[in-house]
Protein backbone atom coordinates (compact mmCIF):
# COMPACT_ATOMS: atom_id res chain seq x y z
CA MET A 1 188.51 -28.69 -21.53
CA PRO A 2 185.38 -30.53 -22.73
CA LEU A 3 183.62 -28.73 -25.58
CA LEU A 4 180.29 -28.39 -23.75
CA GLU A 5 181.57 -27.78 -20.23
CA GLY A 6 179.09 -25.63 -18.28
CA LYS A 7 176.27 -26.05 -20.81
CA THR A 8 172.84 -27.44 -20.01
CA GLY A 9 170.46 -29.19 -22.36
CA VAL A 10 167.12 -30.93 -22.65
CA VAL A 11 166.62 -33.99 -24.85
CA PHE A 12 163.31 -34.92 -26.45
CA GLY A 13 162.99 -38.27 -28.19
CA VAL A 14 164.90 -40.98 -26.36
CA ALA A 15 162.97 -44.27 -26.59
CA ASN A 16 165.70 -46.86 -26.05
CA LYS A 17 169.46 -47.35 -26.34
CA ARG A 18 169.26 -47.41 -30.16
CA SER A 19 167.61 -43.99 -30.37
CA ILE A 20 169.44 -41.27 -32.26
CA ALA A 21 168.55 -38.95 -29.38
CA TRP A 22 170.41 -41.23 -26.99
CA ALA A 23 173.52 -41.27 -29.17
CA ILE A 24 173.59 -37.47 -29.20
CA ALA A 25 172.77 -37.21 -25.50
CA GLN A 26 175.69 -39.51 -24.64
CA ALA A 27 178.02 -37.41 -26.77
CA TRP A 28 176.78 -34.19 -25.16
CA ALA A 29 177.26 -35.60 -21.67
CA LYS A 30 180.74 -36.89 -22.52
CA GLU A 31 181.70 -33.34 -23.50
CA GLY A 32 180.50 -31.95 -20.18
CA ALA A 33 176.86 -30.95 -20.71
CA LYS A 34 174.31 -31.45 -17.94
CA LEU A 35 171.10 -32.86 -19.38
CA ALA A 36 167.39 -33.29 -18.70
CA PHE A 37 165.25 -35.86 -20.52
CA THR A 38 161.61 -36.20 -21.50
CA TYR A 39 159.70 -39.32 -22.47
CA GLN A 40 156.47 -39.98 -24.34
CA GLY A 41 154.12 -42.26 -22.39
CA ASP A 42 154.53 -45.17 -20.02
CA ARG A 43 155.65 -47.48 -22.84
CA VAL A 44 159.14 -45.97 -22.87
CA LYS A 45 159.27 -44.52 -19.36
CA GLU A 46 161.28 -47.36 -17.87
CA ASN A 47 163.79 -47.35 -20.74
CA VAL A 48 164.39 -43.62 -20.48
CA GLU A 49 164.68 -43.70 -16.71
CA GLU A 50 167.24 -46.51 -16.91
CA LEU A 51 169.33 -44.79 -19.57
CA ALA A 52 169.16 -41.23 -18.28
CA GLY A 53 169.71 -42.46 -14.74
CA THR A 54 173.25 -43.39 -15.73
CA PHE A 55 174.05 -39.67 -15.66
CA GLY A 56 173.18 -39.46 -11.98
CA ALA A 57 170.26 -39.97 -9.63
CA ASP A 58 169.41 -36.27 -9.73
CA THR A 59 168.93 -36.20 -13.53
CA LEU A 60 165.63 -34.54 -14.46
CA ILE A 61 163.42 -37.08 -16.26
CA THR A 62 159.89 -35.92 -16.99
CA PRO A 63 156.97 -36.92 -19.25
CA CYS A 64 156.00 -34.79 -22.22
CA ASP A 65 153.36 -35.13 -24.90
CA VAL A 66 154.54 -32.63 -27.52
CA THR A 67 150.99 -32.26 -28.86
CA LYS A 68 149.96 -30.62 -25.57
CA ASP A 69 151.08 -27.05 -24.92
CA GLU A 70 150.51 -27.44 -21.18
CA ASP A 71 152.93 -30.38 -21.09
CA ILE A 72 155.58 -28.42 -22.97
CA SER A 73 155.16 -25.40 -20.70
CA ARG A 74 155.52 -27.57 -17.60
CA VAL A 75 158.68 -29.22 -18.90
CA PHE A 76 160.45 -25.92 -19.45
CA LYS A 77 159.38 -24.64 -16.04
CA GLU A 78 160.98 -27.76 -14.56
CA VAL A 79 164.10 -27.29 -16.68
CA GLY A 80 164.33 -23.64 -15.63
CA ALA A 81 163.98 -24.59 -11.97
CA LYS A 82 166.64 -27.29 -12.36
CA PHE A 83 169.28 -25.41 -14.36
CA GLY A 84 168.39 -21.72 -14.16
CA LYS A 85 169.09 -21.41 -17.88
CA LEU A 86 169.30 -23.56 -20.99
CA ASP A 87 171.91 -23.82 -23.74
CA LEU A 88 170.93 -26.87 -25.80
CA LEU A 89 167.74 -28.50 -27.05
CA LEU A 90 167.48 -31.70 -29.07
CA HIS A 91 164.23 -32.39 -30.94
CA SER A 92 164.22 -36.02 -32.08
CA VAL A 93 160.48 -36.54 -32.19
CA ALA A 94 158.40 -37.86 -35.09
CA PHE A 95 155.29 -39.95 -35.60
CA ALA A 96 152.83 -40.98 -38.30
CA PRO A 97 150.27 -43.78 -38.14
CA LYS A 98 151.64 -47.02 -39.57
CA ALA A 99 148.88 -47.16 -42.16
CA ALA A 100 150.07 -43.81 -43.52
CA LEU A 101 153.51 -45.29 -44.20
CA GLU A 102 152.08 -48.07 -46.31
CA GLY A 103 150.42 -47.93 -49.70
CA HIS A 104 150.20 -44.66 -51.62
CA PHE A 105 150.80 -41.13 -50.34
CA VAL A 106 147.71 -39.93 -52.22
CA ASP A 107 145.60 -42.05 -49.88
CA THR A 108 146.87 -40.30 -46.74
CA SER A 109 143.93 -39.37 -44.53
CA ARG A 110 143.45 -35.83 -43.29
CA GLU A 111 143.81 -37.08 -39.72
CA ALA A 112 147.11 -38.85 -40.42
CA TYR A 113 148.48 -35.82 -42.29
CA LEU A 114 147.65 -33.43 -39.46
CA LEU A 115 148.96 -35.78 -36.77
CA ALA A 116 152.28 -36.33 -38.56
CA HIS A 117 152.83 -32.59 -38.93
CA ASN A 118 151.71 -31.82 -35.38
CA VAL A 119 154.08 -34.31 -33.76
CA SER A 120 156.98 -34.17 -36.22
CA ALA A 121 157.14 -30.50 -37.24
CA TYR A 122 154.98 -28.12 -35.23
CA SER A 123 156.42 -29.52 -32.01
CA LEU A 124 159.79 -27.99 -32.90
CA VAL A 125 158.14 -24.56 -33.08
CA ALA A 126 156.37 -25.10 -29.76
CA LEU A 127 159.54 -26.31 -28.03
CA ALA A 128 161.64 -23.46 -29.42
CA ARG A 129 159.11 -20.88 -28.24
CA GLU A 130 159.30 -22.15 -24.66
CA ALA A 131 163.07 -22.70 -24.73
CA ALA A 132 164.01 -19.24 -25.99
CA PRO A 133 163.34 -17.35 -22.71
CA LEU A 134 165.71 -19.78 -20.96
CA MET A 135 168.50 -18.97 -23.43
CA PRO A 136 169.44 -15.37 -22.54
CA ASP A 137 173.02 -15.96 -23.66
CA GLY A 138 172.04 -17.76 -26.85
CA GLY A 139 171.86 -21.46 -27.52
CA SER A 140 171.65 -24.29 -30.01
CA ILE A 141 168.46 -26.08 -31.06
CA ILE A 142 168.86 -29.22 -33.16
CA GLY A 143 166.17 -31.20 -34.98
CA MET A 144 166.45 -34.58 -36.69
CA SER A 145 165.46 -34.94 -40.33
CA TYR A 146 165.87 -37.42 -43.19
CA TYR A 147 166.49 -37.35 -46.96
CA GLY A 148 162.80 -38.14 -47.54
CA ALA A 149 162.16 -34.46 -46.82
CA GLU A 150 163.88 -33.57 -50.09
CA LYS A 151 163.40 -36.58 -52.36
CA VAL A 152 160.74 -39.26 -52.67
CA VAL A 153 161.52 -42.32 -50.55
CA PRO A 154 158.95 -45.10 -51.09
CA HIS A 155 157.00 -45.96 -47.94
CA TYR A 156 158.16 -42.80 -46.15
CA ASN A 157 155.09 -41.02 -47.50
CA VAL A 158 153.53 -38.46 -45.14
CA MET A 159 156.58 -38.53 -42.89
CA GLY A 160 158.68 -37.16 -45.73
CA VAL A 161 156.26 -34.26 -46.13
CA ALA A 162 156.30 -33.66 -42.38
CA LYS A 163 160.11 -33.65 -42.38
CA ALA A 164 160.05 -31.10 -45.20
CA SER A 165 157.89 -28.95 -42.94
CA LEU A 166 160.37 -29.51 -40.11
CA GLU A 167 163.26 -28.31 -42.29
CA ALA A 168 161.34 -25.21 -43.41
CA SER A 169 160.41 -24.50 -39.78
CA THR A 170 164.09 -24.74 -38.90
CA ARG A 171 164.92 -21.97 -41.35
CA TYR A 172 162.13 -19.66 -40.14
CA LEU A 173 163.03 -20.30 -36.50
CA ALA A 174 166.68 -19.56 -37.29
CA TYR A 175 165.62 -16.19 -38.70
CA ASP A 176 163.35 -15.35 -35.78
CA LEU A 177 165.74 -16.43 -33.04
CA GLY A 178 169.02 -15.32 -34.63
CA PRO A 179 168.99 -11.89 -32.96
CA LYS A 180 168.85 -13.73 -29.62
CA LYS A 181 172.00 -15.70 -30.61
CA ILE A 182 169.94 -18.89 -30.73
CA ARG A 183 170.95 -21.16 -33.59
CA VAL A 184 168.55 -23.70 -35.11
CA ASN A 185 169.76 -26.51 -37.34
CA CYS A 186 168.79 -30.00 -38.50
CA ILE A 187 170.82 -33.16 -38.82
CA SER A 188 169.64 -35.29 -41.75
CA ALA A 189 170.76 -38.79 -40.86
CA GLY A 190 171.14 -41.76 -43.12
CA PRO A 191 169.19 -44.86 -42.11
CA VAL A 192 169.81 -46.03 -38.55
CA ASN A 193 168.32 -49.14 -36.98
CA THR A 194 166.00 -47.40 -34.51
CA LEU A 195 162.56 -48.30 -33.17
CA ALA A 196 160.96 -45.78 -35.54
CA ALA A 197 162.95 -46.92 -38.58
CA ARG A 198 161.85 -50.52 -38.17
CA GLY A 199 158.29 -49.37 -38.83
CA ILE A 200 159.22 -48.37 -42.39
CA ALA A 201 158.59 -51.07 -44.99
CA GLY A 202 161.74 -52.08 -46.84
CA PHE A 203 164.08 -50.64 -44.23
CA SER A 204 166.65 -53.44 -44.62
CA GLU A 205 166.79 -52.73 -48.37
CA MET A 206 167.33 -49.07 -47.59
CA LEU A 207 170.40 -49.96 -45.53
CA LYS A 208 171.78 -52.04 -48.40
CA THR A 209 171.13 -49.28 -50.93
CA TYR A 210 173.00 -46.69 -48.86
CA GLU A 211 175.93 -49.04 -48.44
CA GLN A 212 176.09 -49.73 -52.16
CA ARG A 213 175.52 -46.23 -53.54
CA SER A 214 176.94 -43.76 -51.06
CA PRO A 215 180.44 -42.44 -51.80
CA LEU A 216 181.76 -43.85 -48.51
CA LYS A 217 180.21 -47.27 -49.29
CA ARG A 218 178.94 -47.82 -45.78
CA ASN A 219 176.18 -46.92 -43.37
CA LEU A 220 176.73 -44.49 -40.55
CA ILE A 221 177.14 -45.46 -36.92
CA PRO A 222 175.28 -43.68 -34.08
CA GLU A 223 178.50 -42.27 -32.64
CA GLU A 224 178.93 -40.22 -35.83
CA LEU A 225 175.57 -38.58 -35.22
CA GLY A 226 176.69 -37.90 -31.67
CA ALA A 227 179.83 -36.18 -32.96
CA THR A 228 177.78 -34.00 -35.32
CA GLY A 229 175.43 -33.14 -32.47
CA VAL A 230 178.38 -32.05 -30.36
CA PHE A 231 179.75 -29.88 -33.16
CA LEU A 232 176.43 -28.11 -33.72
CA ALA A 233 176.05 -27.58 -29.98
CA SER A 234 179.56 -26.19 -29.59
CA ASP A 235 181.09 -22.79 -30.18
CA GLY A 236 182.72 -24.27 -33.27
CA ALA A 237 179.36 -23.92 -35.00
CA ALA A 238 178.74 -20.41 -33.66
CA CYS A 239 178.02 -18.99 -37.12
CA ILE A 240 175.98 -21.92 -38.46
CA THR A 241 172.20 -21.65 -38.36
CA GLY A 242 169.20 -22.57 -40.48
CA GLN A 243 171.10 -25.46 -42.05
CA VAL A 244 170.41 -29.12 -42.76
CA ILE A 245 173.60 -31.09 -42.15
CA TYR A 246 173.65 -34.46 -43.93
CA VAL A 247 175.31 -37.36 -42.13
CA ASP A 248 174.75 -40.13 -44.64
CA GLY A 249 178.06 -41.11 -46.17
CA GLY A 250 177.40 -38.70 -49.03
CA TYR A 251 174.34 -40.55 -50.34
CA CYS A 252 172.45 -37.28 -50.81
CA ILE A 253 174.87 -36.04 -53.50
CA MET A 254 174.29 -38.96 -55.82
CA GLY A 255 172.17 -38.69 -58.94
CA MET A 256 172.28 -42.38 -59.82
């Protein structure tokens, strides 16, 4: 029996076929989950519709700007009408202005700092708040983080600080929602060649560094993130919450 048979989920953050969110969504669907998808703006609408449409013509695909509470509320009303309940939520959403990922962190503008935290961290709180009433039997909420939340990664700048906020929010949400049997965890992925990653200066060097220094001496592949997403969504992770699970070939354990 597939691990996620009978479960329903909503996926935030698919932009194209290289998206981490898409890798996890494919893995969820393969294990039997029925999914709904959101997209941010017309720029990625066609991509998301093409990808999500492969799961069937009746797949719910709806726009969502995670900085707007009314958009979030509408999405979960649509999800509730479609599925009746919800078991899984994937938050793979992050943004900071390109200028804030260049130069020095100390020069980050107030506007860039607030925007990065609003989109990348507070949105998890807002999504969890709306999802919880649809999870009467419990559920699994998963966010996507990166090592720059814990250690300084040049050029990651304000996004690293926002990811630190995301990880702290994960722990507080896990505490709040635990009595409802809702688990909240993060996957901290090593570098993956996504649309967002290509906006980080020196990304190709980052890939080389991970390959050279990680214990496994290689970079991860998207399917490995999908497998971790399935585990955290499954009953096999029923007693795991508030955690950051590293999928990076062991790079995070290295001191030098």
